[in-house]
Amino acid sequence: MAIWKLTPLDLKDPNWEASSHRAMAIVRAPNEQDAREAAQAAFGVKTGFKTGHGITSPPWLRALLVRAEVVHDSCYEPEGPNEVLEPSF
């Protein structure tokens, strides 16, 4: 599996209220979409937005809010399940 570095880009975007973590994350996953989904599952939170006035898309799934890149020189083990490796829980 690949090791992905997910880096938040625009932390002023209100969609970040739907995330408990707003810094770089390292994720083991076979592809970018799975890495984004693992981050969203780990960090996603409900918000107080009123219906029709809030989140249009979870932040970790949006390319405009999070850059995803494969880490080739990694100290992380590529074998194992899809999971967030950093920050560790």
PDB file of N, CA and C in Angstrom:
ATOM      1  N   MET A   1       0.836  -1.180   0.000  1.00  0.00           N
ATOM      2  CA  MET A   1       0.000   0.000   0.000  1.00  0.00           C
ATOM      3  C   MET A   1       0.877   1.236   0.000  1.00  0.00           C
ATOM      4  N   ALA A   2       0.288   2.320  -0.407  1.00  0.00           N
ATOM      5  CA  ALA A   2       1.003   3.596  -0.433  1.00  0.00           C
ATOM      6  C   ALA A   2       0.850   4.320   0.905  1.00  0.00           C
ATOM      7  N   ILE A   3       1.804   5.190   1.178  1.00  0.00           N
ATOM      8  CA  ILE A   3       1.723   6.084   2.329  1.00  0.00           C
ATOM      9  C   ILE A   3       1.434   7.471   1.771  1.00  0.00           C
ATOM     10  N   TRP A   4       0.376   8.102   2.272  1.00  0.00           N
ATOM     11  CA  TRP A   4      -0.096   9.391   1.768  1.00  0.00           C
ATOM     12  C   TRP A   4       0.112  10.476   2.806  1.00  0.00           C
ATOM     13  N   LYS A   5       0.551  11.626   2.349  1.00  0.00           N
ATOM     14  CA  LYS A   5       0.631  12.815   3.187  1.00  0.00           C
ATOM     15  C   LYS A   5      -0.507  13.723   2.757  1.00  0.00           C
ATOM     16  N   LEU A   6      -1.408  14.020   3.683  1.00  0.00           N
ATOM     17  CA  LEU A   6      -2.537  14.898   3.420  1.00  0.00           C
ATOM     18  C   LEU A   6      -2.280  16.212   4.142  1.00  0.00           C
ATOM     19  N   THR A   7      -2.242  17.296   3.370  1.00  0.00           N
ATOM     20  CA  THR A   7      -1.904  18.605   3.910  1.00  0.00           C
ATOM     21  C   THR A   7      -3.053  19.580   3.709  1.00  0.00           C
ATOM     22  N   PRO A   8      -3.648  20.082   4.795  1.00  0.00           N
ATOM     23  CA  PRO A   8      -4.701  21.092   4.662  1.00  0.00           C
ATOM     24  C   PRO A   8      -4.167  22.354   3.980  1.00  0.00           C
ATOM     25  N   LEU A   9      -5.007  22.972   3.148  1.00  0.00           N
ATOM     26  CA  LEU A   9      -4.594  24.141   2.394  1.00  0.00           C
ATOM     27  C   LEU A   9      -5.254  25.433   2.883  1.00  0.00           C
ATOM     28  N   ASP A  10      -6.552  25.478   2.936  1.00  0.00           N
ATOM     29  CA  ASP A  10      -7.271  26.712   3.286  1.00  0.00           C
ATOM     30  C   ASP A  10      -8.029  26.512   4.588  1.00  0.00           C
ATOM     31  N   LEU A  11      -7.354  26.763   5.711  1.00  0.00           N
ATOM     32  CA  LEU A  11      -7.971  26.537   7.016  1.00  0.00           C
ATOM     33  C   LEU A  11      -9.007  27.596   7.385  1.00  0.00           C
ATOM     34  N   LYS A  12      -9.131  28.646   6.569  1.00  0.00           N
ATOM     35  CA  LYS A  12     -10.158  29.656   6.815  1.00  0.00           C
ATOM     36  C   LYS A  12     -11.520  29.227   6.263  1.00  0.00           C
ATOM     37  N   ASP A  13     -11.538  28.209   5.433  1.00  0.00           N
ATOM     38  CA  ASP A  13     -12.787  27.716   4.867  1.00  0.00           C
ATOM     39  C   ASP A  13     -13.663  27.167   5.999  1.00  0.00           C
ATOM     40  N   PRO A  14     -14.943  27.557   6.062  1.00  0.00           N
ATOM     41  CA  PRO A  14     -15.816  27.120   7.150  1.00  0.00           C
ATOM     42  C   PRO A  14     -16.061  25.611   7.200  1.00  0.00           C
ATOM     43  N   ASN A  15     -15.791  24.897   6.109  1.00  0.00           N
ATOM     44  CA  ASN A  15     -15.962  23.450   6.113  1.00  0.00           C
ATOM     45  C   ASN A  15     -15.042  22.759   7.116  1.00  0.00           C
ATOM     46  N   TRP A  16     -13.958  23.430   7.526  1.00  0.00           N
ATOM     47  CA  TRP A  16     -13.045  22.835   8.503  1.00  0.00           C
ATOM     48  C   TRP A  16     -13.673  22.681   9.881  1.00  0.00           C
ATOM     49  N   GLU A  17     -14.812  23.318  10.108  1.00  0.00           N
ATOM     50  CA  GLU A  17     -15.507  23.106  11.378  1.00  0.00           C
ATOM     51  C   GLU A  17     -15.967  21.663  11.521  1.00  0.00           C
ATOM     52  N   ALA A  18     -15.989  20.924  10.415  1.00  0.00           N
ATOM     53  CA  ALA A  18     -16.409  19.530  10.435  1.00  0.00           C
ATOM     54  C   ALA A  18     -15.236  18.575  10.632  1.00  0.00           C
ATOM     55  N   SER A  19     -14.110  19.076  11.128  1.00  0.00           N
ATOM     56  CA  SER A  19     -12.942  18.234  11.363  1.00  0.00           C
ATOM     57  C   SER A  19     -12.344  18.514  12.736  1.00  0.00           C
ATOM     58  N   SER A  20     -12.007  17.458  13.444  1.00  0.00           N
ATOM     59  CA  SER A  20     -11.366  17.603  14.752  1.00  0.00           C
ATOM     60  C   SER A  20      -9.864  17.822  14.631  1.00  0.00           C
ATOM     61  N   HIS A  21      -9.323  17.626  13.440  1.00  0.00           N
ATOM     62  CA  HIS A  21      -7.885  17.771  13.197  1.00  0.00           C
ATOM     63  C   HIS A  21      -7.701  18.658  11.978  1.00  0.00           C
ATOM     64  N   ARG A  22      -6.808  19.631  12.074  1.00  0.00           N
ATOM     65  CA  ARG A  22      -6.631  20.596  10.975  1.00  0.00           C
ATOM     66  C   ARG A  22      -5.170  20.778  10.616  1.00  0.00           C
ATOM     67  N   ALA A  23      -4.411  19.710  10.715  1.00  0.00           N
ATOM     68  CA  ALA A  23      -2.992  19.754  10.373  1.00  0.00           C
ATOM     69  C   ALA A  23      -2.677  18.543   9.499  1.00  0.00           C
ATOM     70  N   MET A  24      -1.434  18.432   9.101  1.00  0.00           N
ATOM     71  CA  MET A  24      -0.989  17.348   8.231  1.00  0.00           C
ATOM     72  C   MET A  24      -1.327  15.986   8.843  1.00  0.00           C
ATOM     73  N   ALA A  25      -1.657  15.045   7.979  1.00  0.00           N
ATOM     74  CA  ALA A  25      -1.937  13.677   8.403  1.00  0.00           C
ATOM     75  C   ALA A  25      -1.212  12.715   7.465  1.00  0.00           C
ATOM     76  N   ILE A  26      -0.780  11.600   8.013  1.00  0.00           N
ATOM     77  CA  ILE A  26      -0.161  10.527   7.229  1.00  0.00           C
ATOM     78  C   ILE A  26      -1.114   9.340   7.268  1.00  0.00           C
ATOM     79  N   VAL A  27      -1.417   8.805   6.078  1.00  0.00           N
ATOM     80  CA  VAL A  27      -2.407   7.739   5.960  1.00  0.00           C
ATOM     81  C   VAL A  27      -1.852   6.627   5.078  1.00  0.00           C
ATOM     82  N   ARG A  28      -2.075   5.380   5.512  1.00  0.00           N
ATOM     83  CA  ARG A  28      -1.739   4.226   4.659  1.00  0.00           C
ATOM     84  C   ARG A  28      -3.018   3.814   3.945  1.00  0.00           C
ATOM     85  N   ALA A  29      -2.959   3.785   2.609  1.00  0.00           N
ATOM     86  CA  ALA A  29      -4.123   3.421   1.799  1.00  0.00           C
ATOM     87  C   ALA A  29      -3.651   3.083   0.384  1.00  0.00           C
ATOM     88  N   PRO A  30      -4.427   2.297  -0.354  1.00  0.00           N
ATOM     89  CA  PRO A  30      -4.011   1.918  -1.702  1.00  0.00           C
ATOM     90  C   PRO A  30      -4.125   3.039  -2.725  1.00  0.00           C
ATOM     91  N   ASN A  31      -4.977   4.038  -2.454  1.00  0.00           N
ATOM     92  CA  ASN A  31      -5.154   5.117  -3.421  1.00  0.00           C
ATOM     93  C   ASN A  31      -5.560   6.394  -2.686  1.00  0.00           C
ATOM     94  N   GLU A  32      -5.559   7.495  -3.424  1.00  0.00           N
ATOM     95  CA  GLU A  32      -5.854   8.793  -2.836  1.00  0.00           C
ATOM     96  C   GLU A  32      -7.255   8.856  -2.234  1.00  0.00           C
ATOM     97  N   GLN A  33      -8.244   8.354  -2.936  1.00  0.00           N
ATOM     98  CA  GLN A  33      -9.614   8.412  -2.434  1.00  0.00           C
ATOM     99  C   GLN A  33      -9.743   7.670  -1.101  1.00  0.00           C
ATOM    100  N   ASP A  34      -9.143   6.493  -1.007  1.00  0.00           N
ATOM    101  CA  ASP A  34      -9.204   5.737   0.244  1.00  0.00           C
ATOM    102  C   ASP A  34      -8.460   6.462   1.365  1.00  0.00           C
ATOM    103  N   ALA A  35      -7.367   7.138   1.035  1.00  0.00           N
ATOM    104  CA  ALA A  35      -6.630   7.909   2.046  1.00  0.00           C
ATOM    105  C   ALA A  35      -7.487   9.062   2.552  1.00  0.00           C
ATOM    106  N   ARG A  36      -8.145   9.760   1.658  1.00  0.00           N
ATOM    107  CA  ARG A  36      -9.020  10.872   2.050  1.00  0.00           C
ATOM    108  C   ARG A  36     -10.186  10.364   2.908  1.00  0.00           C
ATOM    109  N   GLU A  37     -10.768   9.253   2.521  1.00  0.00           N
ATOM    110  CA  GLU A  37     -11.889   8.697   3.276  1.00  0.00           C
ATOM    111  C   GLU A  37     -11.454   8.246   4.667  1.00  0.00           C
ATOM    112  N   ALA A  38     -10.256   7.678   4.791  1.00  0.00           N
ATOM    113  CA  ALA A  38      -9.753   7.276   6.112  1.00  0.00           C
ATOM    114  C   ALA A  38      -9.556   8.492   7.003  1.00  0.00           C
ATOM    115  N   ALA A  39      -9.026   9.574   6.450  1.00  0.00           N
ATOM    116  CA  ALA A  39      -8.840  10.803   7.226  1.00  0.00           C
ATOM    117  C   ALA A  39     -10.181  11.382   7.635  1.00  0.00           C
ATOM    118  N   GLN A  40     -11.134  11.405   6.727  1.00  0.00           N
ATOM    119  CA  GLN A  40     -12.451  11.941   7.053  1.00  0.00           C
ATOM    120  C   GLN A  40     -13.122  11.094   8.130  1.00  0.00           C
ATOM    121  N   ALA A  41     -12.992   9.776   8.036  1.00  0.00           N
ATOM    122  CA  ALA A  41     -13.586   8.897   9.050  1.00  0.00           C
ATOM    123  C   ALA A  41     -12.948   9.127  10.421  1.00  0.00           C
ATOM    124  N   ALA A  42     -11.648   9.378  10.436  1.00  0.00           N
ATOM    125  CA  ALA A  42     -10.933   9.573  11.700  1.00  0.00           C
ATOM    126  C   ALA A  42     -11.200  10.936  12.316  1.00  0.00           C
ATOM    127  N   PHE A  43     -11.310  11.972  11.496  1.00  0.00           N
ATOM    128  CA  PHE A  43     -11.369  13.339  12.001  1.00  0.00           C
ATOM    129  C   PHE A  43     -12.721  14.035  11.851  1.00  0.00           C
ATOM    130  N   GLY A  44     -13.622  13.459  11.094  1.00  0.00           N
ATOM    131  CA  GLY A  44     -14.899  14.105  10.838  1.00  0.00           C
ATOM    132  C   GLY A  44     -15.746  14.249  12.097  1.00  0.00           C
ATOM    133  N   VAL A  45     -16.360  15.411  12.251  1.00  0.00           N
ATOM    134  CA  VAL A  45     -17.259  15.671  13.386  1.00  0.00           C
ATOM    135  C   VAL A  45     -18.510  16.385  12.889  1.00  0.00           C
ATOM    136  N   LYS A  46     -19.569  16.247  13.644  1.00  0.00           N
ATOM    137  CA  LYS A  46     -20.801  16.972  13.319  1.00  0.00           C
ATOM    138  C   LYS A  46     -20.609  18.434  13.672  1.00  0.00           C
ATOM    139  N   THR A  47     -21.331  19.283  12.965  1.00  0.00           N
ATOM    140  CA  THR A  47     -21.231  20.719  13.221  1.00  0.00           C
ATOM    141  C   THR A  47     -22.573  21.269  13.683  1.00  0.00           C
ATOM    142  N   GLY A  48     -22.555  22.514  14.093  1.00  0.00           N
ATOM    143  CA  GLY A  48     -23.777  23.178  14.513  1.00  0.00           C
ATOM    144  C   GLY A  48     -24.449  23.947  13.396  1.00  0.00           C
ATOM    145  N   PHE A  49     -24.014  23.727  12.134  1.00  0.00           N
ATOM    146  CA  PHE A  49     -24.622  24.434  11.017  1.00  0.00           C
ATOM    147  C   PHE A  49     -26.100  24.078  10.887  1.00  0.00           C
ATOM    148  N   LYS A  50     -26.923  25.062  10.585  1.00  0.00           N
ATOM    149  CA  LYS A  50     -28.330  24.814  10.330  1.00  0.00           C
ATOM    150  C   LYS A  50     -28.477  24.155   8.965  1.00  0.00           C
ATOM    151  N   THR A  51     -29.488  23.334   8.813  1.00  0.00           N
ATOM    152  CA  THR A  51     -29.754  22.661   7.547  1.00  0.00           C
ATOM    153  C   THR A  51     -29.850  23.683   6.425  1.00  0.00           C
ATOM    154  N   GLY A  52     -29.118  23.401   5.351  1.00  0.00           N
ATOM    155  CA  GLY A  52     -29.135  24.292   4.196  1.00  0.00           C
ATOM    156  C   GLY A  52     -28.140  25.433   4.268  1.00  0.00           C
ATOM    157  N   HIS A  53     -27.425  25.573   5.388  1.00  0.00           N
ATOM    158  CA  HIS A  53     -26.476  26.673   5.546  1.00  0.00           C
ATOM    159  C   HIS A  53     -25.087  26.196   5.944  1.00  0.00           C
ATOM    160  N   GLY A  54     -24.785  24.939   5.725  1.00  0.00           N
ATOM    161  CA  GLY A  54     -23.527  24.442   6.262  1.00  0.00           C
ATOM    162  C   GLY A  54     -22.678  23.678   5.281  1.00  0.00           C
ATOM    163  N   ILE A  55     -22.177  22.597   5.760  1.00  0.00           N
ATOM    164  CA  ILE A  55     -21.201  21.787   5.043  1.00  0.00           C
ATOM    165  C   ILE A  55     -21.765  21.311   3.710  1.00  0.00           C
ATOM    166  N   THR A  56     -21.027  21.550   2.672  1.00  0.00           N
ATOM    167  CA  THR A  56     -21.406  21.015   1.367  1.00  0.00           C
ATOM    168  C   THR A  56     -20.609  19.758   1.061  1.00  0.00           C
ATOM    169  N   SER A  57     -19.439  19.646   1.672  1.00  0.00           N
ATOM    170  CA  SER A  57     -18.584  18.492   1.443  1.00  0.00           C
ATOM    171  C   SER A  57     -17.591  18.387   2.595  1.00  0.00           C
ATOM    172  N   PRO A  58     -17.363  17.190   3.125  1.00  0.00           N
ATOM    173  CA  PRO A  58     -16.389  17.040   4.197  1.00  0.00           C
ATOM    174  C   PRO A  58     -15.005  17.510   3.739  1.00  0.00           C
ATOM    175  N   PRO A  59     -14.277  18.227   4.581  1.00  0.00           N
ATOM    176  CA  PRO A  59     -13.029  18.845   4.139  1.00  0.00           C
ATOM    177  C   PRO A  59     -11.951  17.881   3.652  1.00  0.00           C
ATOM    178  N   TRP A  60     -11.797  16.744   4.292  1.00  0.00           N
ATOM    179  CA  TRP A  60     -10.712  15.828   3.909  1.00  0.00           C
ATOM    180  C   TRP A  60     -10.942  15.207   2.535  1.00  0.00           C
ATOM    181  N   LEU A  61     -12.156  15.280   2.025  1.00  0.00           N
ATOM    182  CA  LEU A  61     -12.467  14.717   0.710  1.00  0.00           C
ATOM    183  C   LEU A  61     -12.294  15.731  -0.417  1.00  0.00           C
ATOM    184  N   ARG A  62     -12.056  16.982  -0.075  1.00  0.00           N
ATOM    185  CA  ARG A  62     -12.008  18.059  -1.077  1.00  0.00           C
ATOM    186  C   ARG A  62     -10.578  18.410  -1.471  1.00  0.00           C
ATOM    187  N   ALA A  63     -10.270  18.274  -2.744  1.00  0.00           N
ATOM    188  CA  ALA A  63      -8.931  18.594  -3.254  1.00  0.00           C
ATOM    189  C   ALA A  63      -8.594  20.073  -3.086  1.00  0.00           C
ATOM    190  N   LEU A  64      -9.596  20.950  -3.052  1.00  0.00           N
ATOM    191  CA  LEU A  64      -9.325  22.376  -2.852  1.00  0.00           C
ATOM    192  C   LEU A  64      -8.916  22.688  -1.411  1.00  0.00           C
ATOM    193  N   LEU A  65      -9.238  21.792  -0.498  1.00  0.00           N
ATOM    194  CA  LEU A  65      -8.921  22.026   0.908  1.00  0.00           C
ATOM    195  C   LEU A  65      -7.762  21.174   1.426  1.00  0.00           C
ATOM    196  N   VAL A  66      -7.470  20.067   0.740  1.00  0.00           N
ATOM    197  CA  VAL A  66      -6.412  19.159   1.202  1.00  0.00           C
ATOM    198  C   VAL A  66      -5.608  18.640   0.008  1.00  0.00           C
ATOM    199  N   ARG A  67      -4.297  18.868   0.056  1.00  0.00           N
ATOM    200  CA  ARG A  67      -3.398  18.308  -0.970  1.00  0.00           C
ATOM    201  C   ARG A  67      -3.024  16.884  -0.538  1.00  0.00           C
ATOM    202  N   ALA A  68      -3.052  15.959  -1.474  1.00  0.00           N
ATOM    203  CA  ALA A  68      -2.680  14.569  -1.214  1.00  0.00           C
ATOM    204  C   ALA A  68      -1.478  14.215  -2.071  1.00  0.00           C
ATOM    205  N   GLU A  69      -0.450  13.657  -1.427  1.00  0.00           N
ATOM    206  CA  GLU A  69       0.725  13.237  -2.175  1.00  0.00           C
ATOM    207  C   GLU A  69       1.297  11.962  -1.563  1.00  0.00           C
ATOM    208  N   VAL A  70       1.817  11.102  -2.425  1.00  0.00           N
ATOM    209  CA  VAL A  70       2.437   9.861  -1.969  1.00  0.00           C
ATOM    210  C   VAL A  70       3.796  10.181  -1.373  1.00  0.00           C
ATOM    211  N   VAL A  71       4.084   9.559  -0.248  1.00  0.00           N
ATOM    212  CA  VAL A  71       5.382   9.703   0.409  1.00  0.00           C
ATOM    213  C   VAL A  71       6.216   8.492  -0.008  1.00  0.00           C
ATOM    214  N   HIS A  72       7.292   8.736  -0.755  1.00  0.00           N
ATOM    215  CA  HIS A  72       8.105   7.629  -1.254  1.00  0.00           C
ATOM    216  C   HIS A  72       9.189   7.207  -0.276  1.00  0.00           C
ATOM    217  N   ASP A  73       9.713   8.135   0.467  1.00  0.00           N
ATOM    218  CA  ASP A  73      10.788   7.860   1.409  1.00  0.00           C
ATOM    219  C   ASP A  73      10.200   7.913   2.809  1.00  0.00           C
ATOM    220  N   SER A  74       9.593   6.816   3.233  1.00  0.00           N
ATOM    221  CA  SER A  74       8.801   6.861   4.454  1.00  0.00           C
ATOM    222  C   SER A  74       9.342   5.934   5.534  1.00  0.00           C
ATOM    223  N   CYS A  75       9.173   6.348   6.755  1.00  0.00           N
ATOM    224  CA  CYS A  75       9.543   5.492   7.890  1.00  0.00           C
ATOM    225  C   CYS A  75       8.354   4.634   8.316  1.00  0.00           C
ATOM    226  N   TYR A  76       7.237   4.742   7.604  1.00  0.00           N
ATOM    227  CA  TYR A  76       6.041   3.990   7.947  1.00  0.00           C
ATOM    228  C   TYR A  76       5.981   2.681   7.170  1.00  0.00           C
ATOM    229  N   GLU A  77       5.470   1.659   7.795  1.00  0.00           N
ATOM    230  CA  GLU A  77       5.324   0.341   7.187  1.00  0.00           C
ATOM    231  C   GLU A  77       4.200   0.368   6.149  1.00  0.00           C
ATOM    232  N   PRO A  78       4.508   0.008   4.894  1.00  0.00           N
ATOM    233  CA  PRO A  78       3.469   0.039   3.858  1.00  0.00           C
ATOM    234  C   PRO A  78       2.466  -1.117   3.961  1.00  0.00           C
ATOM    235  N   GLU A  79       2.828  -2.155   4.694  1.00  0.00           N
ATOM    236  CA  GLU A  79       1.923  -3.304   4.840  1.00  0.00           C
ATOM    237  C   GLU A  79       1.020  -3.089   6.041  1.00  0.00           C
ATOM    238  N   GLY A  80      -0.255  -3.366   5.846  1.00  0.00           N
ATOM    239  CA  GLY A  80      -1.216  -3.221   6.927  1.00  0.00           C
ATOM    240  C   GLY A  80      -2.524  -2.669   6.405  1.00  0.00           C
ATOM    241  N   PRO A  81      -3.463  -2.469   7.300  1.00  0.00           N
ATOM    242  CA  PRO A  81      -4.786  -1.983   6.892  1.00  0.00           C
ATOM    243  C   PRO A  81      -4.769  -0.498   6.530  1.00  0.00           C
ATOM    244  N   ASN A  82      -5.820  -0.058   5.856  1.00  0.00           N
ATOM    245  CA  ASN A  82      -6.009   1.378   5.628  1.00  0.00           C
ATOM    246  C   ASN A  82      -6.147   2.017   6.996  1.00  0.00           C
ATOM    247  N   GLU A  83      -5.312   3.025   7.270  1.00  0.00           N
ATOM    248  CA  GLU A  83      -5.448   3.708   8.551  1.00  0.00           C
ATOM    249  C   GLU A  83      -4.653   4.999   8.590  1.00  0.00           C
ATOM    250  N   VAL A  84      -5.082   5.876   9.485  1.00  0.00           N
ATOM    251  CA  VAL A  84      -4.338   7.095   9.767  1.00  0.00           C
ATOM    252  C   VAL A  84      -3.164   6.705  10.658  1.00  0.00           C
ATOM    253  N   LEU A  85      -1.958   7.048  10.221  1.00  0.00           N
ATOM    254  CA  LEU A  85      -0.753   6.721  10.983  1.00  0.00           C
ATOM    255  C   LEU A  85      -0.281   7.900  11.847  1.00  0.00           C
ATOM    256  N   GLU A  86      -0.491   9.094  11.366  1.00  0.00           N
ATOM    257  CA  GLU A  86      -0.159  10.319  12.109  1.00  0.00           C
ATOM    258  C   GLU A  86      -1.271  11.322  11.878  1.00  0.00           C
ATOM    259  N   PRO A  87      -1.761  11.989  12.845  1.00  0.00           N
ATOM    260  CA  PRO A  87      -1.337  11.835  14.219  1.00  0.00           C
ATOM    261  C   PRO A  87      -1.819  10.494  14.772  1.00  0.00           C
ATOM    262  N   SER A  88      -1.037   9.944  15.672  1.00  0.00           N
ATOM    263  CA  SER A  88      -1.432   8.666  16.249  1.00  0.00           C
ATOM    264  C   SER A  88      -2.446   8.890  17.355  1.00  0.00           C
ATOM    265  N   PHE A  89      -3.298   7.931  17.539  1.00  0.00           N
ATOM    266  CA  PHE A  89      -4.371   8.060  18.535  1.00  0.00           C
ATOM    267  C   PHE A  89      -3.995   7.336  19.798  1.00  0.00           C
TER     268      PHE A  89
END
